[in-house]
N, C-alpha and C. Protein backbone atom coordinates (compact mmCIF):
# COMPACT_ATOMS: atom_id res chain seq x y z
N MET A 1 0.66 -1.27 0.14
CA MET A 1 0.04 -0.02 -0.01
C MET A 1 0.79 1.33 0.10
N LYS A 2 0.78 2.17 -0.85
CA LYS A 2 1.11 3.41 -0.84
C LYS A 2 0.61 4.66 -0.40
N VAL A 3 0.80 5.53 0.31
CA VAL A 3 0.70 6.95 0.48
C VAL A 3 0.84 7.96 -0.42
N LEU A 4 -0.11 8.80 -0.88
CA LEU A 4 -0.24 9.91 -1.99
C LEU A 4 0.31 11.13 -1.18
N LYS A 5 1.61 11.46 -1.36
CA LYS A 5 2.32 12.52 -0.70
C LYS A 5 1.86 13.71 -1.70
N LEU A 6 1.47 14.71 -0.91
CA LEU A 6 1.14 16.05 -1.62
C LEU A 6 2.19 17.03 -1.37
N SER A 7 2.30 18.25 -1.97
CA SER A 7 2.95 19.49 -1.49
C SER A 7 1.73 20.01 -0.41
N ALA A 8 2.31 21.04 0.24
CA ALA A 8 1.12 21.81 1.09
C ALA A 8 0.06 22.32 0.45
N GLN A 9 0.40 22.54 -0.99
CA GLN A 9 -0.61 23.39 -1.75
C GLN A 9 -1.39 22.59 -2.52
N GLY A 10 -1.19 20.73 -2.28
CA GLY A 10 -2.11 19.73 -2.85
C GLY A 10 -1.32 19.63 -4.17
N LEU A 11 -0.49 19.82 -4.67
CA LEU A 11 0.21 19.11 -5.80
C LEU A 11 0.86 17.71 -5.29
N PRO A 12 0.51 16.84 -6.63
CA PRO A 12 1.20 15.34 -6.13
C PRO A 12 2.56 15.43 -6.33
N GLN A 13 3.15 14.97 -5.39
CA GLN A 13 4.87 14.70 -5.07
C GLN A 13 5.09 13.27 -5.56
N SER A 14 4.64 12.39 -4.71
CA SER A 14 5.20 11.18 -5.14
C SER A 14 4.44 10.09 -4.36
N TRP A 15 4.37 8.70 -4.67
CA TRP A 15 3.81 7.59 -3.94
C TRP A 15 4.95 6.94 -2.93
N ILE A 16 4.43 7.15 -1.62
CA ILE A 16 5.34 6.91 -0.84
C ILE A 16 5.04 5.67 0.12
N SER A 17 6.18 4.73 0.60
CA SER A 17 5.67 3.50 1.79
C SER A 17 5.09 4.24 2.78
N LEU A 18 4.41 3.26 3.62
CA LEU A 18 3.96 3.85 4.99
C LEU A 18 5.28 4.18 5.86
N GLU A 19 6.13 3.44 5.64
CA GLU A 19 7.31 3.91 6.71
C GLU A 19 8.22 5.08 6.20
N GLN A 20 7.81 5.75 5.07
CA GLN A 20 8.31 7.04 4.49
C GLN A 20 7.47 8.13 4.98
N ALA A 21 6.14 7.85 5.17
CA ALA A 21 4.93 8.55 5.72
C ALA A 21 5.17 8.66 7.22
N VAL A 22 5.57 7.92 7.81
CA VAL A 22 5.74 7.68 9.02
C VAL A 22 6.75 8.81 9.61
N VAL A 23 7.90 8.70 8.65
CA VAL A 23 9.05 9.84 8.93
C VAL A 23 8.72 11.05 8.81
N HIS A 24 7.70 11.44 7.83
CA HIS A 24 7.06 12.94 7.44
C HIS A 24 6.21 13.34 8.92
N TYR A 25 5.64 12.10 9.52
CA TYR A 25 4.68 12.38 10.72
C TYR A 25 5.22 12.72 11.44
N ALA A 26 6.66 11.80 11.98
CA ALA A 26 7.44 12.02 13.14
C ALA A 26 8.50 13.45 13.14
N ALA A 27 8.78 14.05 11.81
CA ALA A 27 9.52 14.78 11.63
C ALA A 27 8.66 16.14 11.55
N GLU A 28 7.47 16.04 12.07
CA GLU A 28 6.44 17.13 11.76
C GLU A 28 6.17 17.82 10.32
N GLU A 29 6.52 17.35 9.68
CA GLU A 29 6.50 17.95 8.15
C GLU A 29 5.05 17.63 7.57
N VAL A 30 4.10 16.80 8.30
CA VAL A 30 2.82 16.78 7.56
C VAL A 30 1.96 17.97 8.03
N ARG A 31 1.43 18.88 7.03
CA ARG A 31 0.35 19.84 7.26
C ARG A 31 -0.87 19.56 7.44
N TRP A 32 -1.13 18.66 6.46
CA TRP A 32 -2.76 18.38 6.55
C TRP A 32 -2.55 17.04 6.14
N GLU A 33 -3.84 16.15 6.34
CA GLU A 33 -4.22 14.69 5.76
C GLU A 33 -5.86 14.87 5.18
N MET A 34 -5.71 13.75 4.52
CA MET A 34 -7.24 13.60 4.03
C MET A 34 -7.29 11.89 3.78
N GLY A 35 -8.54 11.64 3.38
CA GLY A 35 -8.59 10.19 3.12
C GLY A 35 -8.71 9.36 4.47
N ALA A 36 -8.88 8.12 4.52
CA ALA A 36 -8.87 7.16 5.44
C ALA A 36 -7.72 6.88 6.33
N GLN A 37 -7.72 6.58 7.51
CA GLN A 37 -6.60 6.01 8.06
C GLN A 37 -6.34 4.80 7.87
N VAL A 38 -4.99 4.59 7.23
CA VAL A 38 -4.74 3.13 6.42
C VAL A 38 -3.58 2.64 7.57
N ALA A 39 -3.27 3.13 8.64
CA ALA A 39 -2.22 2.32 9.21
C ALA A 39 -2.05 2.89 10.93
N VAL A 40 -1.67 2.35 11.78
CA VAL A 40 -1.39 2.79 13.22
C VAL A 40 -0.07 2.18 13.73
N PHE A 41 0.89 3.27 13.87
CA PHE A 41 2.32 2.50 14.19
C PHE A 41 2.49 3.14 15.61
N HIS A 42 2.64 2.07 16.50
CA HIS A 42 3.03 2.25 18.00
C HIS A 42 4.32 2.31 18.12
N GLY A 43 4.98 3.25 18.99
CA GLY A 43 6.52 3.55 19.32
C GLY A 43 6.59 2.95 20.72
N GLY A 44 7.81 3.73 20.98
CA GLY A 44 8.14 3.50 22.76
C GLY A 44 7.49 4.40 23.49
N HIS A 45 7.52 4.10 24.89
CA HIS A 45 7.04 4.91 25.93
C HIS A 45 8.28 6.02 26.26
N ASN A 46 7.24 7.06 26.89
CA ASN A 46 7.85 8.19 27.15
C ASN A 46 8.41 8.10 28.56
N ALA A 47 9.48 8.14 28.87
CA ALA A 47 10.31 7.92 30.26
C ALA A 47 9.87 8.60 31.03
N ILE A 48 9.34 9.98 31.13
CA ILE A 48 8.68 10.79 32.08
C ILE A 48 7.35 10.56 32.27
N THR A 49 6.70 10.48 31.22
CA THR A 49 5.03 10.48 31.42
C THR A 49 4.36 8.90 31.32
N GLY A 50 5.21 8.10 30.83
CA GLY A 50 4.78 6.78 30.65
C GLY A 50 3.90 6.33 29.31
N GLU A 51 3.73 7.67 28.64
CA GLU A 51 2.74 7.64 27.59
C GLU A 51 3.45 7.09 25.96
N GLN A 52 2.66 6.06 25.52
CA GLN A 52 3.29 5.40 24.29
C GLN A 52 2.98 6.50 23.03
N SER A 53 3.86 6.63 22.27
CA SER A 53 3.72 7.19 21.04
C SER A 53 3.14 6.32 20.26
N ILE A 54 1.94 6.95 19.50
CA ILE A 54 1.23 6.55 18.47
C ILE A 54 1.07 7.61 16.98
N ILE A 55 1.76 6.80 15.84
CA ILE A 55 1.37 7.65 14.92
C ILE A 55 0.18 7.04 13.90
N THR A 56 -0.54 7.67 13.50
CA THR A 56 -1.80 7.46 12.59
C THR A 56 -1.55 7.85 11.19
N VAL A 57 -1.49 7.01 10.19
CA VAL A 57 -1.09 7.52 8.71
C VAL A 57 -2.30 7.56 7.93
N ASN A 58 -2.64 8.47 7.30
CA ASN A 58 -3.68 8.92 6.45
C ASN A 58 -3.32 8.20 4.89
N SER A 59 -4.11 8.30 4.10
CA SER A 59 -3.64 7.74 3.04
C SER A 59 -3.35 8.70 2.00
N ILE A 60 -3.72 10.13 2.32
CA ILE A 60 -3.25 11.15 1.28
C ILE A 60 -2.66 12.17 2.47
N ILE A 61 -1.28 12.57 2.18
CA ILE A 61 -0.80 13.67 3.44
C ILE A 61 -0.31 14.91 2.37
N GLY A 62 -0.39 15.97 2.99
CA GLY A 62 0.13 17.11 2.50
C GLY A 62 1.45 17.56 3.27
N THR A 63 2.58 17.79 2.75
CA THR A 63 3.69 17.79 3.54
C THR A 63 4.29 19.33 3.27
N ARG A 64 4.79 19.86 4.33
CA ARG A 64 5.93 21.10 4.27
C ARG A 64 6.82 21.24 3.01
N GLY A 65 7.03 22.34 2.61
CA GLY A 65 8.05 22.46 1.64
C GLY A 65 7.69 23.09 0.23
N VAL A 66 8.36 23.64 -0.60
CA VAL A 66 8.12 23.89 -1.93
C VAL A 66 7.91 22.98 -2.87
N PRO A 67 6.95 22.47 -3.54
CA PRO A 67 6.87 21.51 -4.58
C PRO A 67 8.31 21.71 -5.21
N ASN A 68 8.60 20.34 -5.67
CA ASN A 68 9.61 20.25 -6.66
C ASN A 68 9.24 19.80 -7.97
N ILE A 69 7.71 19.68 -8.25
CA ILE A 69 7.34 19.46 -9.45
C ILE A 69 6.38 20.49 -10.02
N ASN A 70 6.75 20.99 -10.92
CA ASN A 70 6.16 22.13 -11.78
C ASN A 70 4.95 21.73 -12.66
N PRO A 71 3.68 21.31 -12.43
CA PRO A 71 3.00 20.77 -13.52
C PRO A 71 3.00 21.06 -14.79
N PHE A 72 3.33 22.15 -15.30
CA PHE A 72 3.05 22.52 -16.51
C PHE A 72 4.77 22.37 -17.28
N ASP A 73 5.68 22.09 -16.78
CA ASP A 73 7.23 21.46 -16.90
C ASP A 73 6.92 19.99 -17.13
N LEU A 74 5.90 19.29 -16.69
CA LEU A 74 6.21 18.09 -16.61
C LEU A 74 6.13 17.22 -17.74
N ARG A 75 6.92 16.20 -18.20
CA ARG A 75 6.62 15.22 -19.17
C ARG A 75 6.90 13.94 -18.73
N PRO A 76 5.79 13.46 -18.35
CA PRO A 76 5.82 12.04 -17.73
C PRO A 76 6.63 10.88 -18.38
N SER A 77 7.43 10.38 -17.69
CA SER A 77 7.97 8.88 -18.45
C SER A 77 6.96 8.35 -18.99
N LEU A 78 7.53 7.44 -20.16
CA LEU A 78 6.68 6.85 -21.01
C LEU A 78 6.91 5.15 -20.61
N THR A 79 6.16 4.40 -20.30
CA THR A 79 6.12 3.10 -20.26
C THR A 79 4.86 2.30 -20.86
N ASN A 80 5.28 0.80 -21.17
CA ASN A 80 4.05 0.24 -21.81
C ASN A 80 3.03 0.42 -20.67
N ALA A 81 3.35 -0.03 -19.68
CA ALA A 81 2.60 -0.20 -18.77
C ALA A 81 1.41 1.18 -18.47
N LYS A 82 2.06 2.18 -18.59
CA LYS A 82 1.33 3.55 -18.56
C LYS A 82 0.73 3.81 -19.63
N LEU A 83 1.36 3.46 -20.81
CA LEU A 83 0.35 3.73 -22.01
C LEU A 83 -0.87 2.80 -22.23
N PHE A 84 -0.51 1.30 -22.05
CA PHE A 84 -1.90 0.73 -22.26
C PHE A 84 -2.93 1.25 -20.97
N ILE A 85 -2.47 1.72 -20.00
CA ILE A 85 -3.67 2.01 -19.07
C ILE A 85 -4.41 3.47 -19.67
N ARG A 86 -3.50 4.58 -20.12
CA ARG A 86 -3.96 5.36 -20.53
C ARG A 86 -4.92 5.36 -21.79
N ASP A 87 -4.63 4.06 -22.64
CA ASP A 87 -5.55 3.91 -23.69
C ASP A 87 -6.46 2.83 -23.53
N ARG A 88 -6.66 2.47 -22.41
CA ARG A 88 -7.62 1.64 -21.59
C ARG A 88 -7.48 0.42 -22.30
N ASN A 89 -6.31 -0.38 -22.69
CA ASN A 89 -6.17 -1.73 -23.38
C ASN A 89 -6.90 -1.69 -24.71
N VAL A 90 -7.17 -0.70 -25.61
CA VAL A 90 -7.68 -0.81 -26.65
C VAL A 90 -6.97 -0.69 -27.69
N CYS A 91 -6.66 -1.34 -28.81
CA CYS A 91 -5.89 -1.40 -29.91
C CYS A 91 -6.35 0.07 -30.96
N ALA A 92 -5.86 0.89 -31.26
CA ALA A 92 -6.01 1.92 -31.53
C ALA A 92 -6.36 1.78 -33.28
N TYR A 93 -6.27 0.39 -33.57
CA TYR A 93 -6.40 0.11 -35.16
C TYR A 93 -7.80 -0.62 -35.27
N CYS A 94 -7.85 -1.70 -34.48
CA CYS A 94 -8.98 -2.61 -34.73
C CYS A 94 -10.02 -2.29 -33.47
N GLY A 95 -9.64 -1.76 -32.81
CA GLY A 95 -10.84 -1.20 -31.54
C GLY A 95 -11.13 -2.16 -30.54
N ASN A 96 -10.60 -3.28 -30.50
CA ASN A 96 -10.75 -4.49 -29.42
C ASN A 96 -9.93 -4.22 -28.31
N ARG A 97 -10.28 -4.55 -27.26
CA ARG A 97 -9.87 -4.48 -25.75
C ARG A 97 -8.96 -6.06 -25.64
N PHE A 98 -7.71 -5.65 -25.25
CA PHE A 98 -6.87 -6.89 -25.05
C PHE A 98 -6.43 -6.75 -23.61
N HIS A 99 -5.99 -8.25 -23.26
CA HIS A 99 -4.90 -8.21 -22.08
C HIS A 99 -3.84 -7.70 -22.64
N GLU A 100 -3.11 -6.90 -21.32
CA GLU A 100 -1.57 -6.15 -21.82
C GLU A 100 -0.93 -7.34 -22.30
N GLU A 101 -0.52 -8.41 -21.99
CA GLU A 101 0.38 -9.31 -22.71
C GLU A 101 0.27 -9.23 -24.27
N VAL A 102 -0.94 -9.03 -24.63
CA VAL A 102 -1.00 -9.28 -26.17
C VAL A 102 -1.02 -7.70 -26.81
N LEU A 103 -0.66 -6.78 -26.01
CA LEU A 103 -0.63 -5.53 -26.65
C LEU A 103 1.00 -4.98 -26.89
N THR A 104 1.04 -3.96 -27.66
CA THR A 104 2.40 -3.47 -27.89
C THR A 104 2.41 -2.22 -28.05
N ARG A 105 3.61 -1.57 -27.64
CA ARG A 105 3.56 -0.01 -28.15
C ARG A 105 3.93 0.19 -29.60
N GLU A 106 2.98 1.03 -30.24
CA GLU A 106 2.92 1.08 -31.77
C GLU A 106 3.33 2.49 -32.14
N HIS A 107 4.14 2.88 -32.94
CA HIS A 107 4.75 3.96 -33.05
C HIS A 107 4.03 4.35 -34.48
N ILE A 108 3.32 5.56 -34.45
CA ILE A 108 2.31 6.12 -35.39
C ILE A 108 3.37 6.52 -36.66
N LYS A 109 4.35 7.45 -36.25
CA LYS A 109 5.12 7.51 -37.47
C LYS A 109 6.60 6.48 -37.06
N PRO A 110 6.54 5.44 -37.62
CA PRO A 110 7.73 4.48 -37.20
C PRO A 110 8.92 4.84 -37.07
N LEU A 111 9.74 4.41 -35.92
CA LEU A 111 11.24 4.56 -35.73
C LEU A 111 11.90 4.93 -37.09
N GLY A 112 11.89 3.64 -38.04
CA GLY A 112 12.71 3.66 -39.16
C GLY A 112 12.28 4.69 -39.91
N GLN A 113 11.27 5.39 -39.87
CA GLN A 113 10.87 6.87 -40.47
C GLN A 113 11.17 7.95 -39.99
N LYS A 114 11.86 7.92 -38.85
CA LYS A 114 12.53 9.05 -37.87
C LYS A 114 11.38 9.37 -36.79
N GLY A 115 10.51 8.59 -36.73
CA GLY A 115 9.43 9.07 -35.49
C GLY A 115 9.91 8.94 -34.26
N ALA A 116 9.56 9.54 -33.43
CA ALA A 116 10.04 9.76 -31.94
C ALA A 116 9.01 8.77 -31.08
N ASP A 117 9.98 8.09 -29.84
CA ASP A 117 9.26 7.66 -28.99
C ASP A 117 8.73 8.29 -27.91
N THR A 118 7.57 9.10 -28.37
CA THR A 118 7.22 10.01 -27.29
C THR A 118 5.44 9.68 -27.16
N TRP A 119 4.97 10.22 -26.00
CA TRP A 119 3.57 9.95 -25.96
C TRP A 119 2.74 10.40 -27.34
N MET A 120 2.96 11.58 -27.71
CA MET A 120 2.60 11.96 -29.00
C MET A 120 2.36 11.17 -30.05
N ASN A 121 3.45 10.26 -30.07
CA ASN A 121 3.48 9.43 -31.46
C ASN A 121 3.37 7.96 -30.91
N VAL A 122 2.87 7.49 -29.91
CA VAL A 122 2.69 5.93 -29.82
C VAL A 122 1.09 5.74 -29.29
N VAL A 123 0.62 4.72 -29.69
CA VAL A 123 -0.73 4.21 -29.25
C VAL A 123 -0.49 2.86 -28.87
N THR A 124 -1.78 2.25 -28.18
CA THR A 124 -1.31 0.89 -27.79
C THR A 124 -2.38 0.21 -29.22
N ALA A 125 -1.62 -0.98 -29.45
CA ALA A 125 -1.91 -1.86 -30.63
C ALA A 125 -2.04 -3.48 -30.23
N CYS A 126 -2.69 -4.18 -30.77
CA CYS A 126 -2.62 -5.61 -30.68
C CYS A 126 -1.56 -5.88 -31.46
N ARG A 127 -0.79 -7.12 -31.21
CA ARG A 127 0.26 -7.82 -31.73
C ARG A 127 -0.02 -7.73 -33.63
N ALA A 128 -1.36 -8.24 -33.72
CA ALA A 128 -1.82 -8.50 -35.09
C ALA A 128 -1.92 -7.09 -35.82
N CYS A 129 -2.45 -6.31 -35.53
CA CYS A 129 -2.53 -4.75 -35.75
C CYS A 129 -1.00 -4.34 -36.11
N ASN A 130 -0.31 -4.55 -35.25
CA ASN A 130 1.32 -3.63 -35.26
C ASN A 130 1.86 -4.62 -36.08
N HIS A 131 1.73 -5.81 -36.34
CA HIS A 131 2.66 -6.45 -37.44
C HIS A 131 1.86 -6.23 -38.82
N ARG A 132 0.64 -6.08 -38.75
CA ARG A 132 -0.08 -5.68 -40.05
C ARG A 132 0.62 -4.34 -40.70
N LYS A 133 0.54 -3.34 -39.74
CA LYS A 133 1.01 -1.91 -40.09
C LYS A 133 2.15 -2.05 -40.48
N SER A 134 2.97 -2.70 -39.66
CA SER A 134 4.59 -2.93 -40.16
C SER A 134 5.01 -1.69 -39.65
N ASN A 135 6.09 -1.35 -40.62
CA ASN A 135 7.00 0.02 -40.81
C ASN A 135 6.65 0.87 -41.48
N ARG A 136 5.28 1.26 -41.60
CA ARG A 136 4.38 2.12 -42.26
C ARG A 136 3.78 3.06 -41.27
N THR A 137 3.24 4.34 -41.77
CA THR A 137 2.50 5.00 -41.20
C THR A 137 0.81 4.62 -41.06
N PRO A 138 -0.09 5.16 -40.74
CA PRO A 138 -1.07 4.59 -40.75
C PRO A 138 -1.61 4.99 -42.21
N GLU A 139 -1.32 6.15 -42.66
CA GLU A 139 -1.87 6.36 -44.37
C GLU A 139 -1.35 5.49 -45.17
N GLN A 140 -0.10 5.41 -44.82
CA GLN A 140 0.40 4.17 -45.73
C GLN A 140 0.06 2.93 -45.90
N ALA A 141 -0.28 2.47 -44.75
CA ALA A 141 -0.78 1.12 -44.43
C ALA A 141 -2.42 1.06 -44.63
N HIS A 142 -3.09 2.12 -44.59
CA HIS A 142 -4.55 2.26 -44.82
C HIS A 142 -5.24 1.58 -43.65
N MET A 143 -4.85 1.92 -42.37
CA MET A 143 -5.03 1.72 -41.25
C MET A 143 -5.36 3.14 -40.07
N PRO A 144 -6.59 3.64 -40.67
CA PRO A 144 -6.76 4.77 -39.62
C PRO A 144 -6.62 4.70 -38.13
N LEU A 145 -6.25 5.74 -37.42
CA LEU A 145 -6.31 5.51 -36.09
C LEU A 145 -7.99 5.81 -35.26
N LEU A 146 -8.06 5.12 -34.48
CA LEU A 146 -9.68 5.20 -33.93
C LEU A 146 -9.36 6.25 -32.86
N TYR A 147 -8.40 6.60 -32.01
CA TYR A 147 -8.31 7.57 -31.31
C TYR A 147 -6.80 8.11 -31.45
N THR A 148 -6.85 9.37 -30.62
CA THR A 148 -5.50 10.34 -30.87
C THR A 148 -4.90 10.11 -29.42
N PRO A 149 -3.51 10.08 -29.74
CA PRO A 149 -2.28 10.15 -28.59
C PRO A 149 -2.61 11.35 -27.79
N TYR A 150 -2.26 11.36 -26.51
CA TYR A 150 -2.11 12.68 -25.91
C TYR A 150 -1.08 12.23 -24.56
N VAL A 151 -0.43 13.56 -24.43
CA VAL A 151 0.23 13.45 -23.32
C VAL A 151 -0.32 13.63 -21.87
N PRO A 152 -0.21 12.48 -20.73
CA PRO A 152 -0.89 12.65 -19.54
C PRO A 152 -0.52 13.75 -18.58
N SER A 153 -1.58 14.33 -17.75
CA SER A 153 -1.37 15.58 -17.06
C SER A 153 -0.51 14.95 -15.76
N LEU A 154 -0.29 15.71 -15.13
CA LEU A 154 0.48 15.21 -13.55
C LEU A 154 -0.49 14.50 -13.04
N TRP A 155 -1.79 14.91 -12.81
CA TRP A 155 -2.57 13.91 -11.91
C TRP A 155 -3.17 12.57 -12.55
N GLU A 156 -3.27 12.56 -14.12
CA GLU A 156 -3.16 11.05 -14.55
C GLU A 156 -2.10 10.66 -14.69
N ASP A 157 -0.89 11.15 -14.51
CA ASP A 157 0.43 10.50 -14.55
C ASP A 157 0.53 9.39 -13.12
N PHE A 158 0.10 10.52 -12.04
CA PHE A 158 0.04 9.44 -10.86
C PHE A 158 -1.09 8.40 -10.89
N ILE A 159 -2.03 8.45 -11.46
CA ILE A 159 -2.88 7.43 -11.65
C ILE A 159 -2.44 6.33 -12.44
N LEU A 160 -1.53 6.73 -13.23
CA LEU A 160 -1.08 5.46 -14.29
C LEU A 160 0.23 4.76 -13.65
N ARG A 161 0.84 5.40 -12.60
CA ARG A 161 1.99 4.90 -12.10
C ARG A 161 1.69 4.04 -11.01
N ASN A 162 0.57 3.82 -10.65
CA ASN A 162 0.18 2.87 -9.31
C ASN A 162 -0.96 2.02 -9.75
N ARG A 163 -0.77 0.97 -9.46
CA ARG A 163 -2.03 -0.06 -9.75
C ARG A 163 -2.86 -0.43 -8.53
N ARG A 164 -2.40 -0.14 -7.36
CA ARG A 164 -3.04 -0.47 -5.94
C ARG A 164 -3.68 1.00 -5.45
N ILE A 165 -4.44 1.88 -6.29
CA ILE A 165 -5.00 2.86 -5.53
C ILE A 165 -6.10 2.96 -4.86
N LEU A 166 -6.08 3.46 -3.76
CA LEU A 166 -7.05 3.38 -2.83
C LEU A 166 -8.33 4.29 -3.33
N ALA A 167 -9.53 3.92 -2.84
CA ALA A 167 -10.67 4.75 -3.49
C ALA A 167 -10.61 6.07 -3.21
N ASP A 168 -10.19 6.65 -1.74
CA ASP A 168 -10.21 7.90 -1.49
C ASP A 168 -8.99 8.57 -2.36
N GLN A 169 -7.97 8.01 -2.65
CA GLN A 169 -6.85 8.34 -3.63
C GLN A 169 -7.17 8.77 -4.93
N MET A 170 -8.06 7.77 -5.35
CA MET A 170 -8.48 7.79 -6.90
C MET A 170 -9.59 8.99 -7.11
N GLU A 171 -10.30 8.96 -5.83
CA GLU A 171 -11.37 9.99 -5.89
C GLU A 171 -10.72 11.72 -6.03
N PHE A 172 -9.47 11.63 -5.23
CA PHE A 172 -8.92 12.96 -5.13
C PHE A 172 -8.25 13.12 -6.35
N LEU A 173 -7.62 12.38 -7.08
CA LEU A 173 -6.63 12.31 -8.32
C LEU A 173 -7.59 12.69 -9.34
N MET A 174 -8.81 11.86 -9.35
CA MET A 174 -9.87 11.85 -10.60
C MET A 174 -10.59 13.30 -10.76
N ALA A 175 -10.72 13.72 -9.19
CA ALA A 175 -11.22 15.28 -9.25
C ALA A 175 -10.64 16.28 -10.11
N HIS A 176 -8.81 15.97 -10.33
CA HIS A 176 -8.00 16.95 -10.96
C HIS A 176 -7.63 16.51 -12.51
N VAL A 177 -8.30 15.58 -12.85
CA VAL A 177 -7.86 15.20 -14.24
C VAL A 177 -8.35 16.17 -15.48
N PRO A 178 -8.03 16.46 -16.12
CA PRO A 178 -8.75 17.02 -17.47
C PRO A 178 -9.77 16.60 -18.05
N LYS A 179 -11.06 17.45 -18.12
CA LYS A 179 -12.33 16.74 -18.46
C LYS A 179 -12.42 16.07 -19.90
N SER A 180 -10.99 16.13 -20.73
CA SER A 180 -10.92 15.44 -21.64
C SER A 180 -10.32 14.13 -21.62
N SER A 181 -9.67 13.61 -20.49
CA SER A 181 -8.77 12.68 -20.00
C SER A 181 -9.75 11.58 -20.46
N ARG A 182 -9.03 10.32 -21.21
CA ARG A 182 -9.53 8.94 -21.42
C ARG A 182 -9.68 8.40 -20.47
N LEU A 183 -9.10 8.63 -19.14
CA LEU A 183 -9.45 7.83 -17.57
C LEU A 183 -10.75 7.95 -17.20
N LEU A 184 -11.42 9.13 -17.75
CA LEU A 184 -12.67 9.42 -17.33
C LEU A 184 -13.62 8.44 -17.52
N ILE A 185 -13.43 7.76 -18.89
CA ILE A 185 -14.23 7.24 -19.67
C ILE A 185 -14.58 5.78 -18.89
């Protein structure tokens, strides 16, 4: 389970472990918290009062400090897992939904024709369509795209990075994705 770490202003910073979250709580760096309580850690006893230290961790925390992520400069890393989720496991050529083991990263303008390996030049394709299109553009192969590629926003990228997002974390992130996001479908 991961905790969604945000800046004090509410911008996503990273997915962190429960142990990393406890460090933020113990260092008094947590400015605010949201979501459900996901863990309770019991520490040692105070020598003077005899009280045991207890840290309760929420699923979403806002921490002190200036964000190190500018959402306007973000270029999320491109991985097949994130690409397939962005495209909902749907082949851009035949329109069928497939399990990710059958999917490939398909370059709209092929690398052999000086195409780039970027979000705007890749779509999800099944192996059969990728093989049929080969080293050609969709126009050259007479295989029109059924949807257009796009670069995920900061919020979408955080959704694409984590397969086990808690309901309250997903609700928070989805409230910030662009209205045009394919993740809203």
